[in-house]
Amino acid sequence: MLLIVCPYCGERSELEFTNAGEAHIRRPSDPSALSDEAWAAFLFYRSNPKGTHAERWRHTHGCGKFFNALRDTRTDRIVATYKIGQPAPMVETGAPDAATPRMAGRP
């Protein structure tokens, strides 16, 4: 069983959480000015990296709050969790060519 650390409640079972998609997605400042293609890209296209990825999660059966998590898509391991509005923490991505820690996920 996967254990996830809620930044508000602490470590809990994965059964208490719901994945809410990619984190750090910037909303368009003027959605009505977007073309249909640009609007579809904003709504539906997400990155799907092999490695560390920033995701938004919700502690559905706990505090109910949203938070961000850095998850390694190769191993399904949660590397770090942090509150909404905070920057992604510096973590070692675990990539074979990574000699130094670097920012994981989107800025």
PDB file of N, CA and C in Angstrom:
ATOM      1  N   MET A   1       0.841  -1.175   0.000  1.00  0.00           N
ATOM      2  CA  MET A   1       0.000   0.000   0.000  1.00  0.00           C
ATOM      3  C   MET A   1       0.887   1.240   0.000  1.00  0.00           C
ATOM      4  N   LEU A   2       0.488   2.215  -0.779  1.00  0.00           N
ATOM      5  CA  LEU A   2       1.196   3.479  -0.883  1.00  0.00           C
ATOM      6  C   LEU A   2       0.792   4.376   0.280  1.00  0.00           C
ATOM      7  N   LEU A   3       1.782   4.969   0.946  1.00  0.00           N
ATOM      8  CA  LEU A   3       1.519   5.935   2.010  1.00  0.00           C
ATOM      9  C   LEU A   3       1.820   7.319   1.472  1.00  0.00           C
ATOM     10  N   ILE A   4       0.905   8.241   1.698  1.00  0.00           N
ATOM     11  CA  ILE A   4       1.040   9.614   1.221  1.00  0.00           C
ATOM     12  C   ILE A   4       1.037  10.536   2.431  1.00  0.00           C
ATOM     13  N   VAL A   5       1.959  11.494   2.429  1.00  0.00           N
ATOM     14  CA  VAL A   5       2.026  12.461   3.525  1.00  0.00           C
ATOM     15  C   VAL A   5       1.206  13.687   3.153  1.00  0.00           C
ATOM     16  N   CYS A   6       0.067  13.851   3.826  1.00  0.00           N
ATOM     17  CA  CYS A   6      -0.739  15.064   3.655  1.00  0.00           C
ATOM     18  C   CYS A   6      -0.014  16.172   4.418  1.00  0.00           C
ATOM     19  N   PRO A   7       0.249  17.322   3.787  1.00  0.00           N
ATOM     20  CA  PRO A   7       0.955  18.392   4.495  1.00  0.00           C
ATOM     21  C   PRO A   7       0.150  18.971   5.663  1.00  0.00           C
ATOM     22  N   TYR A   8      -1.119  18.628   5.757  1.00  0.00           N
ATOM     23  CA  TYR A   8      -1.970  19.128   6.831  1.00  0.00           C
ATOM     24  C   TYR A   8      -2.211  18.078   7.923  1.00  0.00           C
ATOM     25  N   CYS A   9      -2.307  16.795   7.538  1.00  0.00           N
ATOM     26  CA  CYS A   9      -2.695  15.732   8.473  1.00  0.00           C
ATOM     27  C   CYS A   9      -1.595  14.715   8.770  1.00  0.00           C
ATOM     28  N   GLY A  10      -0.568  14.672   7.949  1.00  0.00           N
ATOM     29  CA  GLY A  10       0.485  13.677   8.136  1.00  0.00           C
ATOM     30  C   GLY A  10       0.288  12.467   7.236  1.00  0.00           C
ATOM     31  N   GLU A  11       1.015  11.404   7.532  1.00  0.00           N
ATOM     32  CA  GLU A  11       1.034  10.202   6.691  1.00  0.00           C
ATOM     33  C   GLU A  11      -0.270   9.417   6.811  1.00  0.00           C
ATOM     34  N   ARG A  12      -0.824   9.074   5.645  1.00  0.00           N
ATOM     35  CA  ARG A  12      -2.084   8.321   5.587  1.00  0.00           C
ATOM     36  C   ARG A  12      -2.024   7.327   4.428  1.00  0.00           C
ATOM     37  N   SER A  13      -2.965   6.414   4.409  1.00  0.00           N
ATOM     38  CA  SER A  13      -3.087   5.415   3.347  1.00  0.00           C
ATOM     39  C   SER A  13      -3.547   6.066   2.047  1.00  0.00           C
ATOM     40  N   GLU A  14      -3.088   5.535   0.937  1.00  0.00           N
ATOM     41  CA  GLU A  14      -3.483   6.052  -0.377  1.00  0.00           C
ATOM     42  C   GLU A  14      -4.992   6.009  -0.596  1.00  0.00           C
ATOM     43  N   LEU A  15      -5.684   5.150   0.119  1.00  0.00           N
ATOM     44  CA  LEU A  15      -7.132   5.007  -0.042  1.00  0.00           C
ATOM     45  C   LEU A  15      -7.889   6.270   0.370  1.00  0.00           C
ATOM     46  N   GLU A  16      -7.244   7.160   1.127  1.00  0.00           N
ATOM     47  CA  GLU A  16      -7.882   8.392   1.576  1.00  0.00           C
ATOM     48  C   GLU A  16      -7.757   9.532   0.563  1.00  0.00           C
ATOM     49  N   PHE A  17      -7.012   9.319  -0.526  1.00  0.00           N
ATOM     50  CA  PHE A  17      -6.664  10.413  -1.437  1.00  0.00           C
ATOM     51  C   PHE A  17      -7.229  10.211  -2.836  1.00  0.00           C
ATOM     52  N   THR A  18      -7.378  11.332  -3.548  1.00  0.00           N
ATOM     53  CA  THR A  18      -7.793  11.328  -4.944  1.00  0.00           C
ATOM     54  C   THR A  18      -6.812  12.174  -5.743  1.00  0.00           C
ATOM     55  N   ASN A  19      -6.340  11.646  -6.857  1.00  0.00           N
ATOM     56  CA  ASN A  19      -5.454  12.407  -7.741  1.00  0.00           C
ATOM     57  C   ASN A  19      -6.313  13.382  -8.534  1.00  0.00           C
ATOM     58  N   ALA A  20      -5.863  14.633  -8.590  1.00  0.00           N
ATOM     59  CA  ALA A  20      -6.639  15.667  -9.278  1.00  0.00           C
ATOM     60  C   ALA A  20      -5.906  16.224 -10.492  1.00  0.00           C
ATOM     61  N   GLY A  21      -4.940  15.477 -11.020  1.00  0.00           N
ATOM     62  CA  GLY A  21      -4.280  15.884 -12.252  1.00  0.00           C
ATOM     63  C   GLY A  21      -2.988  16.640 -12.044  1.00  0.00           C
ATOM     64  N   GLU A  22      -2.486  17.178 -13.123  1.00  0.00           N
ATOM     65  CA  GLU A  22      -1.202  17.880 -13.119  1.00  0.00           C
ATOM     66  C   GLU A  22      -1.274  19.171 -12.308  1.00  0.00           C
ATOM     67  N   ALA A  23      -0.206  19.473 -11.592  1.00  0.00           N
ATOM     68  CA  ALA A  23      -0.137  20.696 -10.782  1.00  0.00           C
ATOM     69  C   ALA A  23       0.524  21.825 -11.562  1.00  0.00           C
ATOM     70  N   HIS A  24       0.385  23.028 -11.056  1.00  0.00           N
ATOM     71  CA  HIS A  24       1.051  24.222 -11.574  1.00  0.00           C
ATOM     72  C   HIS A  24       0.642  24.577 -13.004  1.00  0.00           C
ATOM     73  N   ILE A  25      -0.604  24.342 -13.346  1.00  0.00           N
ATOM     74  CA  ILE A  25      -1.101  24.713 -14.672  1.00  0.00           C
ATOM     75  C   ILE A  25      -1.632  26.139 -14.583  1.00  0.00           C
ATOM     76  N   ARG A  26      -1.087  27.005 -15.393  1.00  0.00           N
ATOM     77  CA  ARG A  26      -1.500  28.415 -15.380  1.00  0.00           C
ATOM     78  C   ARG A  26      -2.736  28.602 -16.254  1.00  0.00           C
ATOM     79  N   ARG A  27      -3.720  29.205 -15.672  1.00  0.00           N
ATOM     80  CA  ARG A  27      -4.948  29.484 -16.394  1.00  0.00           C
ATOM     81  C   ARG A  27      -4.729  30.649 -17.356  1.00  0.00           C
ATOM     82  N   PRO A  28      -5.384  30.639 -18.515  1.00  0.00           N
ATOM     83  CA  PRO A  28      -5.257  31.759 -19.453  1.00  0.00           C
ATOM     84  C   PRO A  28      -5.821  33.037 -18.830  1.00  0.00           C
ATOM     85  N   SER A  29      -5.159  34.161 -19.042  1.00  0.00           N
ATOM     86  CA  SER A  29      -5.631  35.423 -18.461  1.00  0.00           C
ATOM     87  C   SER A  29      -6.915  35.903 -19.144  1.00  0.00           C
ATOM     88  N   ASP A  30      -7.074  35.596 -20.435  1.00  0.00           N
ATOM     89  CA  ASP A  30      -8.282  35.980 -21.159  1.00  0.00           C
ATOM     90  C   ASP A  30      -8.776  34.773 -21.975  1.00  0.00           C
ATOM     91  N   PRO A  31      -9.526  33.864 -21.337  1.00  0.00           N
ATOM     92  CA  PRO A  31      -9.970  32.651 -22.028  1.00  0.00           C
ATOM     93  C   PRO A  31     -10.789  32.920 -23.280  1.00  0.00           C
ATOM     94  N   SER A  32     -11.545  34.001 -23.304  1.00  0.00           N
ATOM     95  CA  SER A  32     -12.388  34.284 -24.475  1.00  0.00           C
ATOM     96  C   SER A  32     -11.563  34.655 -25.703  1.00  0.00           C
ATOM     97  N   ALA A  33     -10.294  35.018 -25.506  1.00  0.00           N
ATOM     98  CA  ALA A  33      -9.436  35.381 -26.636  1.00  0.00           C
ATOM     99  C   ALA A  33      -8.755  34.165 -27.257  1.00  0.00           C
ATOM    100  N   LEU A  34      -8.878  33.001 -26.637  1.00  0.00           N
ATOM    101  CA  LEU A  34      -8.217  31.801 -27.166  1.00  0.00           C
ATOM    102  C   LEU A  34      -8.978  31.216 -28.339  1.00  0.00           C
ATOM    103  N   SER A  35      -8.236  30.650 -29.257  1.00  0.00           N
ATOM    104  CA  SER A  35      -8.863  29.916 -30.355  1.00  0.00           C
ATOM    105  C   SER A  35      -9.392  28.590 -29.803  1.00  0.00           C
ATOM    106  N   ASP A  36     -10.212  27.912 -30.574  1.00  0.00           N
ATOM    107  CA  ASP A  36     -10.724  26.614 -30.141  1.00  0.00           C
ATOM    108  C   ASP A  36      -9.581  25.627 -29.914  1.00  0.00           C
ATOM    109  N   GLU A  37      -8.576  25.682 -30.768  1.00  0.00           N
ATOM    110  CA  GLU A  37      -7.436  24.775 -30.644  1.00  0.00           C
ATOM    111  C   GLU A  37      -6.631  25.064 -29.370  1.00  0.00           C
ATOM    112  N   ALA A  38      -6.411  26.350 -29.083  1.00  0.00           N
ATOM    113  CA  ALA A  38      -5.665  26.728 -27.881  1.00  0.00           C
ATOM    114  C   ALA A  38      -6.453  26.375 -26.615  1.00  0.00           C
ATOM    115  N   TRP A  39      -7.770  26.563 -26.653  1.00  0.00           N
ATOM    116  CA  TRP A  39      -8.608  26.221 -25.503  1.00  0.00           C
ATOM    117  C   TRP A  39      -8.605  24.711 -25.277  1.00  0.00           C
ATOM    118  N   ALA A  40      -8.705  23.932 -26.346  1.00  0.00           N
ATOM    119  CA  ALA A  40      -8.655  22.469 -26.224  1.00  0.00           C
ATOM    120  C   ALA A  40      -7.307  22.021 -25.670  1.00  0.00           C
ATOM    121  N   ALA A  41      -6.216  22.659 -26.129  1.00  0.00           N
ATOM    122  CA  ALA A  41      -4.880  22.315 -25.617  1.00  0.00           C
ATOM    123  C   ALA A  41      -4.789  22.604 -24.123  1.00  0.00           C
ATOM    124  N   PHE A  42      -5.349  23.739 -23.678  1.00  0.00           N
ATOM    125  CA  PHE A  42      -5.332  24.068 -22.252  1.00  0.00           C
ATOM    126  C   PHE A  42      -6.142  23.056 -21.448  1.00  0.00           C
ATOM    127  N   LEU A  43      -7.302  22.689 -21.935  1.00  0.00           N
ATOM    128  CA  LEU A  43      -8.178  21.791 -21.190  1.00  0.00           C
ATOM    129  C   LEU A  43      -7.719  20.336 -21.167  1.00  0.00           C
ATOM    130  N   PHE A  44      -7.164  19.861 -22.269  1.00  0.00           N
ATOM    131  CA  PHE A  44      -6.959  18.422 -22.395  1.00  0.00           C
ATOM    132  C   PHE A  44      -5.519  17.945 -22.476  1.00  0.00           C
ATOM    133  N   TYR A  45      -4.590  18.760 -22.944  1.00  0.00           N
ATOM    134  CA  TYR A  45      -3.221  18.290 -23.127  1.00  0.00           C
ATOM    135  C   TYR A  45      -2.402  18.518 -21.869  1.00  0.00           C
ATOM    136  N   ARG A  46      -1.826  17.458 -21.361  1.00  0.00           N
ATOM    137  CA  ARG A  46      -0.995  17.520 -20.170  1.00  0.00           C
ATOM    138  C   ARG A  46       0.315  16.807 -20.449  1.00  0.00           C
ATOM    139  N   SER A  47       1.340  17.222 -19.706  1.00  0.00           N
ATOM    140  CA  SER A  47       2.621  16.530 -19.865  1.00  0.00           C
ATOM    141  C   SER A  47       2.496  15.154 -19.228  1.00  0.00           C
ATOM    142  N   ASN A  48       3.256  14.229 -19.696  1.00  0.00           N
ATOM    143  CA  ASN A  48       3.225  12.864 -19.179  1.00  0.00           C
ATOM    144  C   ASN A  48       4.669  12.366 -19.124  1.00  0.00           C
ATOM    145  N   PRO A  49       5.479  12.978 -18.247  1.00  0.00           N
ATOM    146  CA  PRO A  49       6.904  12.665 -18.259  1.00  0.00           C
ATOM    147  C   PRO A  49       7.222  11.304 -17.636  1.00  0.00           C
ATOM    148  N   LYS A  50       8.333  10.787 -18.033  1.00  0.00           N
ATOM    149  CA  LYS A  50       8.871   9.593 -17.395  1.00  0.00           C
ATOM    150  C   LYS A  50       9.835  10.107 -16.333  1.00  0.00           C
ATOM    151  N   GLY A  51       9.447  10.016 -15.088  1.00  0.00           N
ATOM    152  CA  GLY A  51      10.258  10.550 -14.004  1.00  0.00           C
ATOM    153  C   GLY A  51       9.402  11.358 -13.050  1.00  0.00           C
ATOM    154  N   THR A  52       9.997  12.333 -12.394  1.00  0.00           N
ATOM    155  CA  THR A  52       9.310  13.117 -11.384  1.00  0.00           C
ATOM    156  C   THR A  52       8.342  14.111 -12.023  1.00  0.00           C
ATOM    157  N   HIS A  53       7.134  14.119 -11.489  1.00  0.00           N
ATOM    158  CA  HIS A  53       6.039  14.888 -12.063  1.00  0.00           C
ATOM    159  C   HIS A  53       5.252  15.554 -10.939  1.00  0.00           C
ATOM    160  N   ALA A  54       4.931  16.847 -11.079  1.00  0.00           N
ATOM    161  CA  ALA A  54       4.142  17.558 -10.078  1.00  0.00           C
ATOM    162  C   ALA A  54       2.656  17.320 -10.321  1.00  0.00           C
ATOM    163  N   GLU A  55       1.975  16.838  -9.293  1.00  0.00           N
ATOM    164  CA  GLU A  55       0.551  16.532  -9.397  1.00  0.00           C
ATOM    165  C   GLU A  55      -0.212  17.200  -8.255  1.00  0.00           C
ATOM    166  N   ARG A  56      -1.484  17.438  -8.485  1.00  0.00           N
ATOM    167  CA  ARG A  56      -2.374  17.952  -7.443  1.00  0.00           C
ATOM    168  C   ARG A  56      -3.149  16.763  -6.874  1.00  0.00           C
ATOM    169  N   TRP A  57      -3.220  16.701  -5.558  1.00  0.00           N
ATOM    170  CA  TRP A  57      -3.952  15.632  -4.875  1.00  0.00           C
ATOM    171  C   TRP A  57      -4.940  16.250  -3.898  1.00  0.00           C
ATOM    172  N   ARG A  58      -5.955  15.482  -3.526  1.00  0.00           N
ATOM    173  CA  ARG A  58      -6.922  15.913  -2.510  1.00  0.00           C
ATOM    174  C   ARG A  58      -7.054  14.835  -1.457  1.00  0.00           C
ATOM    175  N   HIS A  59      -7.009  15.252  -0.202  1.00  0.00           N
ATOM    176  CA  HIS A  59      -7.194  14.322   0.919  1.00  0.00           C
ATOM    177  C   HIS A  59      -8.699  14.158   1.123  1.00  0.00           C
ATOM    178  N   THR A  60      -9.320  13.407   0.242  1.00  0.00           N
ATOM    179  CA  THR A  60     -10.769  13.271   0.160  1.00  0.00           C
ATOM    180  C   THR A  60     -11.395  12.761   1.450  1.00  0.00           C
ATOM    181  N   HIS A  61     -10.828  11.712   2.025  1.00  0.00           N
ATOM    182  CA  HIS A  61     -11.396  11.099   3.235  1.00  0.00           C
ATOM    183  C   HIS A  61     -10.623  11.518   4.475  1.00  0.00           C
ATOM    184  N   GLY A  62     -10.189  12.761   4.481  1.00  0.00           N
ATOM    185  CA  GLY A  62      -9.472  13.324   5.617  1.00  0.00           C
ATOM    186  C   GLY A  62      -9.872  14.771   5.752  1.00  0.00           C
ATOM    187  N   CYS A  63      -8.897  15.663   5.649  1.00  0.00           N
ATOM    188  CA  CYS A  63      -9.160  17.103   5.821  1.00  0.00           C
ATOM    189  C   CYS A  63      -9.900  17.710   4.635  1.00  0.00           C
ATOM    190  N   GLY A  64      -9.877  17.035   3.474  1.00  0.00           N
ATOM    191  CA  GLY A  64     -10.567  17.542   2.290  1.00  0.00           C
ATOM    192  C   GLY A  64      -9.792  18.576   1.512  1.00  0.00           C
ATOM    193  N   LYS A  65      -8.571  18.892   1.950  1.00  0.00           N
ATOM    194  CA  LYS A  65      -7.787  19.946   1.302  1.00  0.00           C
ATOM    195  C   LYS A  65      -6.978  19.401   0.121  1.00  0.00           C
ATOM    196  N   PHE A  66      -6.739  20.309  -0.837  1.00  0.00           N
ATOM    197  CA  PHE A  66      -5.864  20.008  -1.959  1.00  0.00           C
ATOM    198  C   PHE A  66      -4.425  20.315  -1.572  1.00  0.00           C
ATOM    199  N   PHE A  67      -3.489  19.586  -2.168  1.00  0.00           N
ATOM    200  CA  PHE A  67      -2.064  19.834  -1.997  1.00  0.00           C
ATOM    201  C   PHE A  67      -1.350  19.307  -3.230  1.00  0.00           C
ATOM    202  N   ASN A  68      -0.084  19.638  -3.363  1.00  0.00           N
ATOM    203  CA  ASN A  68       0.711  19.162  -4.490  1.00  0.00           C
ATOM    204  C   ASN A  68       1.651  18.055  -4.039  1.00  0.00           C
ATOM    205  N   ALA A  69       1.959  17.164  -4.954  1.00  0.00           N
ATOM    206  CA  ALA A  69       2.894  16.074  -4.677  1.00  0.00           C
ATOM    207  C   ALA A  69       3.807  15.889  -5.872  1.00  0.00           C
ATOM    208  N   LEU A  70       5.049  15.580  -5.600  1.00  0.00           N
ATOM    209  CA  LEU A  70       5.985  15.188  -6.650  1.00  0.00           C
ATOM    210  C   LEU A  70       6.020  13.676  -6.641  1.00  0.00           C
ATOM    211  N   ARG A  71       5.613  13.067  -7.761  1.00  0.00           N
ATOM    212  CA  ARG A  71       5.549  11.609  -7.856  1.00  0.00           C
ATOM    213  C   ARG A  71       6.434  11.144  -8.999  1.00  0.00           C
ATOM    214  N   ASP A  72       7.207  10.100  -8.745  1.00  0.00           N
ATOM    215  CA  ASP A  72       8.037   9.502  -9.785  1.00  0.00           C
ATOM    216  C   ASP A  72       7.159   8.527 -10.559  1.00  0.00           C
ATOM    217  N   THR A  73       6.896   8.829 -11.813  1.00  0.00           N
ATOM    218  CA  THR A  73       5.992   7.996 -12.613  1.00  0.00           C
ATOM    219  C   THR A  73       6.582   6.639 -12.954  1.00  0.00           C
ATOM    220  N   ARG A  74       7.900   6.490 -12.809  1.00  0.00           N
ATOM    221  CA  ARG A  74       8.534   5.195 -13.084  1.00  0.00           C
ATOM    222  C   ARG A  74       8.304   4.206 -11.950  1.00  0.00           C
ATOM    223  N   THR A  75       8.268   4.706 -10.714  1.00  0.00           N
ATOM    224  CA  THR A  75       8.170   3.822  -9.545  1.00  0.00           C
ATOM    225  C   THR A  75       6.877   4.015  -8.764  1.00  0.00           C
ATOM    226  N   ASP A  76       6.098   5.040  -9.067  1.00  0.00           N
ATOM    227  CA  ASP A  76       4.879   5.421  -8.367  1.00  0.00           C
ATOM    228  C   ASP A  76       5.175   5.926  -6.953  1.00  0.00           C
ATOM    229  N   ARG A  77       6.417   6.250  -6.674  1.00  0.00           N
ATOM    230  CA  ARG A  77       6.826   6.731  -5.351  1.00  0.00           C
ATOM    231  C   ARG A  77       6.554   8.226  -5.240  1.00  0.00           C
ATOM    232  N   ILE A  78       5.920   8.630  -4.134  1.00  0.00           N
ATOM    233  CA  ILE A  78       5.719  10.047  -3.844  1.00  0.00           C
ATOM    234  C   ILE A  78       7.025  10.559  -3.241  1.00  0.00           C
ATOM    235  N   VAL A  79       7.667  11.499  -3.913  1.00  0.00           N
ATOM    236  CA  VAL A  79       8.972  12.020  -3.503  1.00  0.00           C
ATOM    237  C   VAL A  79       8.816  13.109  -2.452  1.00  0.00           C
ATOM    238  N   ALA A  80       7.812  13.983  -2.607  1.00  0.00           N
ATOM    239  CA  ALA A  80       7.585  15.086  -1.674  1.00  0.00           C
ATOM    240  C   ALA A  80       6.155  15.572  -1.826  1.00  0.00           C
ATOM    241  N   THR A  81       5.625  16.164  -0.767  1.00  0.00           N
ATOM    242  CA  THR A  81       4.322  16.828  -0.823  1.00  0.00           C
ATOM    243  C   THR A  81       4.492  18.241  -0.275  1.00  0.00           C
ATOM    244  N   TYR A  82       3.642  19.148  -0.747  1.00  0.00           N
ATOM    245  CA  TYR A  82       3.723  20.540  -0.298  1.00  0.00           C
ATOM    246  C   TYR A  82       2.377  21.216  -0.527  1.00  0.00           C
ATOM    247  N   LYS A  83       2.127  22.267   0.237  1.00  0.00           N
ATOM    248  CA  LYS A  83       0.855  22.968   0.182  1.00  0.00           C
ATOM    249  C   LYS A  83       0.695  23.750  -1.118  1.00  0.00           C
ATOM    250  N   ILE A  84      -0.552  23.918  -1.529  1.00  0.00           N
ATOM    251  CA  ILE A  84      -0.877  24.729  -2.698  1.00  0.00           C
ATOM    252  C   ILE A  84      -0.332  26.135  -2.465  1.00  0.00           C
ATOM    253  N   GLY A  85       0.271  26.720  -3.489  1.00  0.00           N
ATOM    254  CA  GLY A  85       0.819  28.056  -3.380  1.00  0.00           C
ATOM    255  C   GLY A  85       2.296  28.081  -3.039  1.00  0.00           C
ATOM    256  N   GLN A  86       2.820  26.963  -2.533  1.00  0.00           N
ATOM    257  CA  GLN A  86       4.247  26.878  -2.249  1.00  0.00           C
ATOM    258  C   GLN A  86       4.969  26.385  -3.499  1.00  0.00           C
ATOM    259  N   PRO A  87       6.238  26.776  -3.671  1.00  0.00           N
ATOM    260  CA  PRO A  87       6.986  26.262  -4.817  1.00  0.00           C
ATOM    261  C   PRO A  87       7.336  24.790  -4.613  1.00  0.00           C
ATOM    262  N   ALA A  88       7.549  24.096  -5.711  1.00  0.00           N
ATOM    263  CA  ALA A  88       7.967  22.689  -5.630  1.00  0.00           C
ATOM    264  C   ALA A  88       9.324  22.611  -4.950  1.00  0.00           C
ATOM    265  N   PRO A  89       9.496  21.686  -4.021  1.00  0.00           N
ATOM    266  CA  PRO A  89      10.787  21.574  -3.338  1.00  0.00           C
ATOM    267  C   PRO A  89      11.878  21.036  -4.266  1.00  0.00           C
ATOM    268  N   MET A  90      13.115  21.350  -3.919  1.00  0.00           N
ATOM    269  CA  MET A  90      14.248  20.808  -4.665  1.00  0.00           C
ATOM    270  C   MET A  90      14.407  19.347  -4.254  1.00  0.00           C
ATOM    271  N   VAL A  91      14.416  18.454  -5.225  1.00  0.00           N
ATOM    272  CA  VAL A  91      14.561  17.026  -4.933  1.00  0.00           C
ATOM    273  C   VAL A  91      15.491  16.399  -5.950  1.00  0.00           C
ATOM    274  N   GLU A  92      16.075  15.294  -5.583  1.00  0.00           N
ATOM    275  CA  GLU A  92      16.863  14.498  -6.519  1.00  0.00           C
ATOM    276  C   GLU A  92      15.867  13.721  -7.366  1.00  0.00           C
ATOM    277  N   THR A  93      15.947  13.884  -8.672  1.00  0.00           N
ATOM    278  CA  THR A  93      14.969  13.246  -9.554  1.00  0.00           C
ATOM    279  C   THR A  93      15.219  11.763  -9.743  1.00  0.00           C
ATOM    280  N   GLY A  94      16.414  11.306  -9.485  1.00  0.00           N
ATOM    281  CA  GLY A  94      16.709   9.895  -9.639  1.00  0.00           C
ATOM    282  C   GLY A  94      16.997   9.491 -11.063  1.00  0.00           C
ATOM    283  N   ALA A  95      17.084  10.451 -11.965  1.00  0.00           N
ATOM    284  CA  ALA A  95      17.397  10.142 -13.359  1.00  0.00           C
ATOM    285  C   ALA A  95      18.839   9.659 -13.450  1.00  0.00           C
ATOM    286  N   PRO A  96      19.136   8.714 -14.318  1.00  0.00           N
ATOM    287  CA  PRO A  96      20.490   8.167 -14.412  1.00  0.00           C
ATOM    288  C   PRO A  96      21.549   9.211 -14.708  1.00  0.00           C
ATOM    289  N   ASP A  97      21.181  10.280 -15.421  1.00  0.00           N
ATOM    290  CA  ASP A  97      22.166  11.291 -15.786  1.00  0.00           C
ATOM    291  C   ASP A  97      22.183  12.476 -14.820  1.00  0.00           C
ATOM    292  N   ALA A  98      21.415  12.390 -13.746  1.00  0.00           N
ATOM    293  CA  ALA A  98      21.331  13.496 -12.804  1.00  0.00           C
ATOM    294  C   ALA A  98      22.504  13.452 -11.829  1.00  0.00           C
ATOM    295  N   ALA A  99      23.389  14.418 -11.943  1.00  0.00           N
ATOM    296  CA  ALA A  99      24.549  14.470 -11.059  1.00  0.00           C
ATOM    297  C   ALA A  99      24.254  15.339  -9.834  1.00  0.00           C
ATOM    298  N   THR A 100      23.345  16.287  -9.962  1.00  0.00           N
ATOM    299  CA  THR A 100      23.035  17.168  -8.846  1.00  0.00           C
ATOM    300  C   THR A 100      21.527  17.293  -8.705  1.00  0.00           C
ATOM    301  N   PRO A 101      21.067  17.645  -7.498  1.00  0.00           N
ATOM    302  CA  PRO A 101      19.619  17.843  -7.336  1.00  0.00           C
ATOM    303  C   PRO A 101      19.139  18.985  -8.229  1.00  0.00           C
ATOM    304  N   ARG A 102      17.931  18.881  -8.691  1.00  0.00           N
ATOM    305  CA  ARG A 102      17.352  19.921  -9.535  1.00  0.00           C
ATOM    306  C   ARG A 102      15.873  20.028  -9.248  1.00  0.00           C
ATOM    307  N   MET A 103      15.271  21.064  -9.762  1.00  0.00           N
ATOM    308  CA  MET A 103      13.860  21.282  -9.541  1.00  0.00           C
ATOM    309  C   MET A 103      13.080  20.236 -10.310  1.00  0.00           C
ATOM    310  N   ALA A 104      12.141  19.604  -9.625  1.00  0.00           N
ATOM    311  CA  ALA A 104      11.287  18.642 -10.274  1.00  0.00           C
ATOM    312  C   ALA A 104       9.933  19.284 -10.525  1.00  0.00           C
ATOM    313  N   GLY A 105       9.269  18.921 -11.578  1.00  0.00           N
ATOM    314  CA  GLY A 105       7.966  19.474 -11.898  1.00  0.00           C
ATOM    315  C   GLY A 105       8.117  20.835 -12.576  1.00  0.00           C
ATOM    316  N   ARG A 106       7.013  21.527 -12.685  1.00  0.00           N
ATOM    317  CA  ARG A 106       6.998  22.839 -13.342  1.00  0.00           C
ATOM    318  C   ARG A 106       7.328  23.927 -12.342  1.00  0.00           C
ATOM    319  N   PRO A 107       7.937  25.034 -12.786  1.00  0.00           N
ATOM    320  CA  PRO A 107       8.241  26.151 -11.886  1.00  0.00           C
ATOM    321  C   PRO A 107       6.979  26.821 -11.385  1.00  0.00           C
TER     322      PRO A 107
END
